[in-house]
N, C-alpha and C. Protein backbone atom coordinates (compact mmCIF):
# COMPACT_ATOMS: atom_id res chain seq x y z
N MET A 1 0.85 -1.18 0.00
CA MET A 1 0.00 0.00 0.00
C MET A 1 0.89 1.23 0.00
N LYS A 2 0.63 2.15 -0.90
CA LYS A 2 1.44 3.37 -1.01
C LYS A 2 0.96 4.40 0.00
N CYS A 3 1.86 4.77 0.89
CA CYS A 3 1.56 5.78 1.92
C CYS A 3 2.70 6.79 1.96
N ASP A 4 2.42 8.01 1.53
CA ASP A 4 3.42 9.07 1.66
C ASP A 4 3.48 9.58 3.09
N SER A 5 2.38 9.43 3.82
CA SER A 5 2.36 9.79 5.24
C SER A 5 1.49 8.78 5.98
N ILE A 6 1.85 8.53 7.23
CA ILE A 6 1.10 7.61 8.08
C ILE A 6 0.71 8.38 9.33
N ILE A 7 -0.60 8.47 9.57
CA ILE A 7 -1.13 9.22 10.71
C ILE A 7 -1.80 8.23 11.65
N PHE A 8 -1.41 8.26 12.92
CA PHE A 8 -1.95 7.35 13.92
C PHE A 8 -3.06 8.04 14.69
N SER A 9 -4.23 7.41 14.75
CA SER A 9 -5.33 7.95 15.56
C SER A 9 -4.98 7.79 17.04
N GLY A 10 -5.62 8.58 17.87
CA GLY A 10 -5.44 8.44 19.31
C GLY A 10 -5.81 7.05 19.78
N HIS A 11 -6.89 6.52 19.23
CA HIS A 11 -7.33 5.16 19.57
C HIS A 11 -6.23 4.14 19.22
N ALA A 12 -5.64 4.29 18.04
CA ALA A 12 -4.59 3.36 17.61
C ALA A 12 -3.40 3.41 18.56
N ILE A 13 -2.97 4.60 18.93
CA ILE A 13 -1.82 4.75 19.84
C ILE A 13 -2.11 4.07 21.18
N THR A 14 -3.31 4.30 21.71
CA THR A 14 -3.69 3.69 22.99
C THR A 14 -3.69 2.18 22.88
N ARG A 15 -4.31 1.65 21.84
CA ARG A 15 -4.40 0.19 21.66
C ARG A 15 -3.01 -0.42 21.42
N MET A 16 -2.18 0.26 20.66
CA MET A 16 -0.83 -0.25 20.42
C MET A 16 -0.06 -0.34 21.73
N PHE A 17 -0.16 0.68 22.56
CA PHE A 17 0.51 0.68 23.86
C PHE A 17 -0.02 -0.47 24.71
N ASP A 18 -1.36 -0.62 24.77
CA ASP A 18 -1.98 -1.69 25.56
C ASP A 18 -1.52 -3.07 25.11
N ARG A 19 -1.27 -3.21 23.81
CA ARG A 19 -0.99 -4.52 23.22
C ARG A 19 0.50 -4.76 22.95
N GLY A 20 1.32 -3.82 23.34
CA GLY A 20 2.76 -4.00 23.18
C GLY A 20 3.26 -3.91 21.74
N LEU A 21 2.54 -3.17 20.91
CA LEU A 21 2.94 -3.00 19.51
C LEU A 21 3.60 -1.64 19.33
N SER A 22 4.68 -1.62 18.59
CA SER A 22 5.39 -0.37 18.33
C SER A 22 4.93 0.25 17.01
N LYS A 23 5.29 1.52 16.82
CA LYS A 23 5.01 2.16 15.53
C LYS A 23 5.72 1.40 14.41
N ALA A 24 6.93 0.92 14.68
CA ALA A 24 7.68 0.16 13.67
C ALA A 24 6.93 -1.11 13.28
N ASP A 25 6.31 -1.79 14.25
CA ASP A 25 5.52 -2.99 13.95
C ASP A 25 4.38 -2.66 12.99
N VAL A 26 3.70 -1.57 13.26
CA VAL A 26 2.55 -1.17 12.45
C VAL A 26 2.99 -0.68 11.07
N ILE A 27 4.02 0.13 11.02
CA ILE A 27 4.51 0.64 9.74
C ILE A 27 4.99 -0.50 8.85
N SER A 28 5.68 -1.47 9.44
CA SER A 28 6.12 -2.64 8.68
C SER A 28 4.93 -3.39 8.09
N THR A 29 3.87 -3.54 8.88
CA THR A 29 2.67 -4.23 8.40
C THR A 29 2.01 -3.44 7.27
N ILE A 30 1.98 -2.13 7.38
CA ILE A 30 1.38 -1.31 6.32
C ILE A 30 2.17 -1.46 5.02
N HIS A 31 3.49 -1.43 5.11
CA HIS A 31 4.31 -1.47 3.91
C HIS A 31 4.43 -2.86 3.29
N SER A 32 4.40 -3.90 4.11
CA SER A 32 4.65 -5.23 3.54
C SER A 32 3.57 -6.26 3.87
N GLY A 33 2.53 -5.83 4.58
CA GLY A 33 1.47 -6.77 4.95
C GLY A 33 0.55 -7.12 3.80
N GLU A 34 -0.26 -8.13 4.05
CA GLU A 34 -1.22 -8.62 3.06
C GLU A 34 -2.61 -8.07 3.39
N ILE A 35 -3.30 -7.60 2.38
CA ILE A 35 -4.68 -7.15 2.58
C ILE A 35 -5.55 -8.39 2.71
N ILE A 36 -6.24 -8.52 3.85
CA ILE A 36 -7.09 -9.70 4.04
C ILE A 36 -8.58 -9.34 4.03
N PHE A 37 -8.89 -8.06 4.13
CA PHE A 37 -10.29 -7.64 4.03
C PHE A 37 -10.36 -6.18 3.63
N ASP A 38 -11.32 -5.88 2.76
CA ASP A 38 -11.56 -4.51 2.32
C ASP A 38 -12.84 -3.99 2.94
N TYR A 39 -12.83 -2.72 3.31
CA TYR A 39 -14.02 -2.01 3.78
C TYR A 39 -14.22 -0.81 2.86
N PRO A 40 -14.69 -1.04 1.63
CA PRO A 40 -14.75 0.04 0.63
C PRO A 40 -15.73 1.15 0.96
N ASP A 41 -16.70 0.88 1.84
CA ASP A 41 -17.72 1.89 2.16
C ASP A 41 -17.41 2.69 3.42
N ASP A 42 -16.26 2.43 4.06
CA ASP A 42 -15.90 3.20 5.25
C ASP A 42 -15.73 4.67 4.89
N GLU A 43 -16.07 5.52 5.83
CA GLU A 43 -15.97 6.97 5.65
C GLU A 43 -15.00 7.54 6.68
N PRO A 44 -14.26 8.56 6.38
CA PRO A 44 -14.27 9.32 5.13
C PRO A 44 -13.44 8.67 4.02
N TYR A 45 -12.68 7.59 4.35
CA TYR A 45 -11.87 6.92 3.34
C TYR A 45 -12.09 5.42 3.44
N PRO A 46 -12.01 4.71 2.32
CA PRO A 46 -12.08 3.25 2.38
C PRO A 46 -10.93 2.73 3.26
N SER A 47 -11.17 1.62 3.93
CA SER A 47 -10.12 1.06 4.78
C SER A 47 -9.89 -0.40 4.46
N LYS A 48 -8.82 -0.92 5.02
CA LYS A 48 -8.41 -2.30 4.79
C LYS A 48 -7.90 -2.90 6.09
N LEU A 49 -8.09 -4.21 6.21
CA LEU A 49 -7.48 -4.96 7.30
C LEU A 49 -6.25 -5.64 6.72
N LEU A 50 -5.11 -5.37 7.31
CA LEU A 50 -3.84 -5.92 6.85
C LEU A 50 -3.31 -6.94 7.85
N LEU A 51 -2.64 -7.96 7.34
CA LEU A 51 -1.95 -8.94 8.17
C LEU A 51 -0.47 -8.86 7.86
N GLY A 52 0.32 -8.70 8.90
CA GLY A 52 1.77 -8.70 8.75
C GLY A 52 2.40 -9.48 9.88
N MET A 53 3.71 -9.61 9.81
CA MET A 53 4.48 -10.25 10.88
C MET A 53 5.47 -9.23 11.41
N ALA A 54 5.53 -9.11 12.72
CA ALA A 54 6.47 -8.20 13.36
C ALA A 54 7.07 -8.94 14.56
N ARG A 55 8.37 -9.02 14.59
CA ARG A 55 9.05 -9.73 15.68
C ARG A 55 8.52 -11.16 15.83
N ASN A 56 8.22 -11.80 14.70
CA ASN A 56 7.72 -13.17 14.64
C ASN A 56 6.35 -13.35 15.27
N ILE A 57 5.57 -12.28 15.36
CA ILE A 57 4.19 -12.39 15.83
C ILE A 57 3.27 -11.80 14.76
N PRO A 58 2.05 -12.37 14.63
CA PRO A 58 1.12 -11.82 13.65
C PRO A 58 0.56 -10.48 14.14
N VAL A 59 0.34 -9.58 13.22
CA VAL A 59 -0.21 -8.26 13.55
C VAL A 59 -1.31 -7.94 12.55
N HIS A 60 -2.45 -7.48 13.06
CA HIS A 60 -3.52 -6.95 12.22
C HIS A 60 -3.53 -5.44 12.38
N VAL A 61 -3.66 -4.74 11.26
CA VAL A 61 -3.75 -3.28 11.27
C VAL A 61 -4.94 -2.89 10.40
N VAL A 62 -5.81 -2.04 10.93
CA VAL A 62 -6.88 -1.46 10.13
C VAL A 62 -6.42 -0.06 9.76
N VAL A 63 -6.36 0.18 8.44
CA VAL A 63 -5.84 1.45 7.95
C VAL A 63 -6.78 2.01 6.88
N ALA A 64 -7.10 3.30 7.02
CA ALA A 64 -7.88 4.00 6.00
C ALA A 64 -6.90 4.66 5.04
N HIS A 65 -7.24 4.66 3.75
CA HIS A 65 -6.30 5.12 2.74
C HIS A 65 -6.92 6.22 1.89
N ASP A 66 -6.34 7.41 1.96
CA ASP A 66 -6.76 8.53 1.11
C ASP A 66 -5.91 8.47 -0.16
N LYS A 67 -6.53 8.01 -1.24
CA LYS A 67 -5.78 7.81 -2.49
C LYS A 67 -5.40 9.12 -3.18
N LYS A 68 -6.03 10.23 -2.79
CA LYS A 68 -5.69 11.52 -3.41
C LYS A 68 -4.30 11.98 -3.00
N ASP A 69 -4.03 11.93 -1.70
CA ASP A 69 -2.71 12.40 -1.23
C ASP A 69 -1.86 11.28 -0.64
N TYR A 70 -2.32 10.04 -0.81
CA TYR A 70 -1.59 8.86 -0.34
C TYR A 70 -1.29 8.91 1.16
N ALA A 71 -2.25 9.42 1.91
CA ALA A 71 -2.14 9.41 3.37
C ALA A 71 -2.81 8.15 3.89
N CYS A 72 -2.18 7.53 4.87
CA CYS A 72 -2.74 6.34 5.51
C CYS A 72 -3.02 6.68 6.97
N TYR A 73 -4.24 6.38 7.39
CA TYR A 73 -4.69 6.67 8.74
C TYR A 73 -4.86 5.36 9.49
N VAL A 74 -4.05 5.15 10.52
CA VAL A 74 -4.12 3.92 11.30
C VAL A 74 -5.29 4.05 12.26
N ILE A 75 -6.26 3.14 12.11
CA ILE A 75 -7.46 3.15 12.95
C ILE A 75 -7.21 2.34 14.22
N THR A 76 -6.68 1.14 14.06
CA THR A 76 -6.34 0.30 15.20
C THR A 76 -5.33 -0.74 14.77
N ALA A 77 -4.69 -1.37 15.74
CA ALA A 77 -3.74 -2.44 15.50
C ALA A 77 -3.82 -3.41 16.68
N TYR A 78 -3.69 -4.69 16.36
CA TYR A 78 -3.79 -5.70 17.42
C TYR A 78 -3.11 -6.99 17.01
N ILE A 79 -2.88 -7.84 17.98
CA ILE A 79 -2.37 -9.19 17.75
C ILE A 79 -3.58 -10.10 17.69
N PRO A 80 -3.84 -10.72 16.53
CA PRO A 80 -5.04 -11.54 16.40
C PRO A 80 -4.98 -12.78 17.29
N SER A 81 -6.12 -13.13 17.86
CA SER A 81 -6.22 -14.28 18.76
C SER A 81 -6.55 -15.54 17.97
N SER A 82 -5.88 -16.63 18.31
CA SER A 82 -6.18 -17.91 17.66
C SER A 82 -7.57 -18.42 18.05
N LYS A 83 -8.16 -17.84 19.09
CA LYS A 83 -9.53 -18.20 19.46
C LYS A 83 -10.54 -17.61 18.48
N LEU A 84 -10.19 -16.50 17.85
CA LEU A 84 -11.10 -15.81 16.94
C LEU A 84 -10.76 -15.99 15.47
N TRP A 85 -9.53 -16.38 15.18
CA TRP A 85 -9.05 -16.47 13.80
C TRP A 85 -8.54 -17.87 13.50
N HIS A 86 -8.79 -18.34 12.27
CA HIS A 86 -8.26 -19.63 11.82
C HIS A 86 -6.74 -19.55 11.71
N ILE A 87 -6.10 -20.71 11.58
CA ILE A 87 -4.65 -20.77 11.40
C ILE A 87 -4.27 -19.88 10.21
N GLY A 88 -3.25 -19.09 10.41
CA GLY A 88 -2.81 -18.14 9.38
C GLY A 88 -3.37 -16.74 9.60
N PHE A 89 -4.39 -16.61 10.46
CA PHE A 89 -4.96 -15.32 10.88
C PHE A 89 -5.54 -14.50 9.73
N LYS A 90 -5.99 -15.20 8.65
CA LYS A 90 -6.58 -14.50 7.51
C LYS A 90 -8.09 -14.59 7.49
N THR A 91 -8.64 -15.57 8.18
CA THR A 91 -10.08 -15.80 8.16
C THR A 91 -10.60 -15.90 9.58
N ARG A 92 -11.65 -15.12 9.86
CA ARG A 92 -12.26 -15.14 11.19
C ARG A 92 -13.11 -16.39 11.36
N LYS A 93 -13.05 -16.98 12.54
CA LYS A 93 -13.88 -18.14 12.85
C LYS A 93 -15.33 -17.71 13.03
N GLN A 94 -16.25 -18.60 12.73
CA GLN A 94 -17.67 -18.33 12.96
C GLN A 94 -17.93 -18.35 14.46
N GLN A 95 -18.74 -17.44 14.93
CA GLN A 95 -19.05 -17.35 16.37
C GLN A 95 -20.17 -18.28 16.73
């Protein structure tokens, strides 16, 4: 995903701190992670759920992407739970 700038929401910073994720973990996921879900109708910008690996742990990042100025807005980031996600962390388990 092309991002000329990456802006972290207050919520994202709080959640990253709570979950032991660094900005480097999130930035790495944005630049090299795999898109596993699209949210094309999100406002004000479409967003995506990305899966990456940071320090040998899986990381999910939800990022909104403004394609006009290539700004990426980090909404949240977390370590996916094997209780909620299938092996590989790409598909959510049915509840």
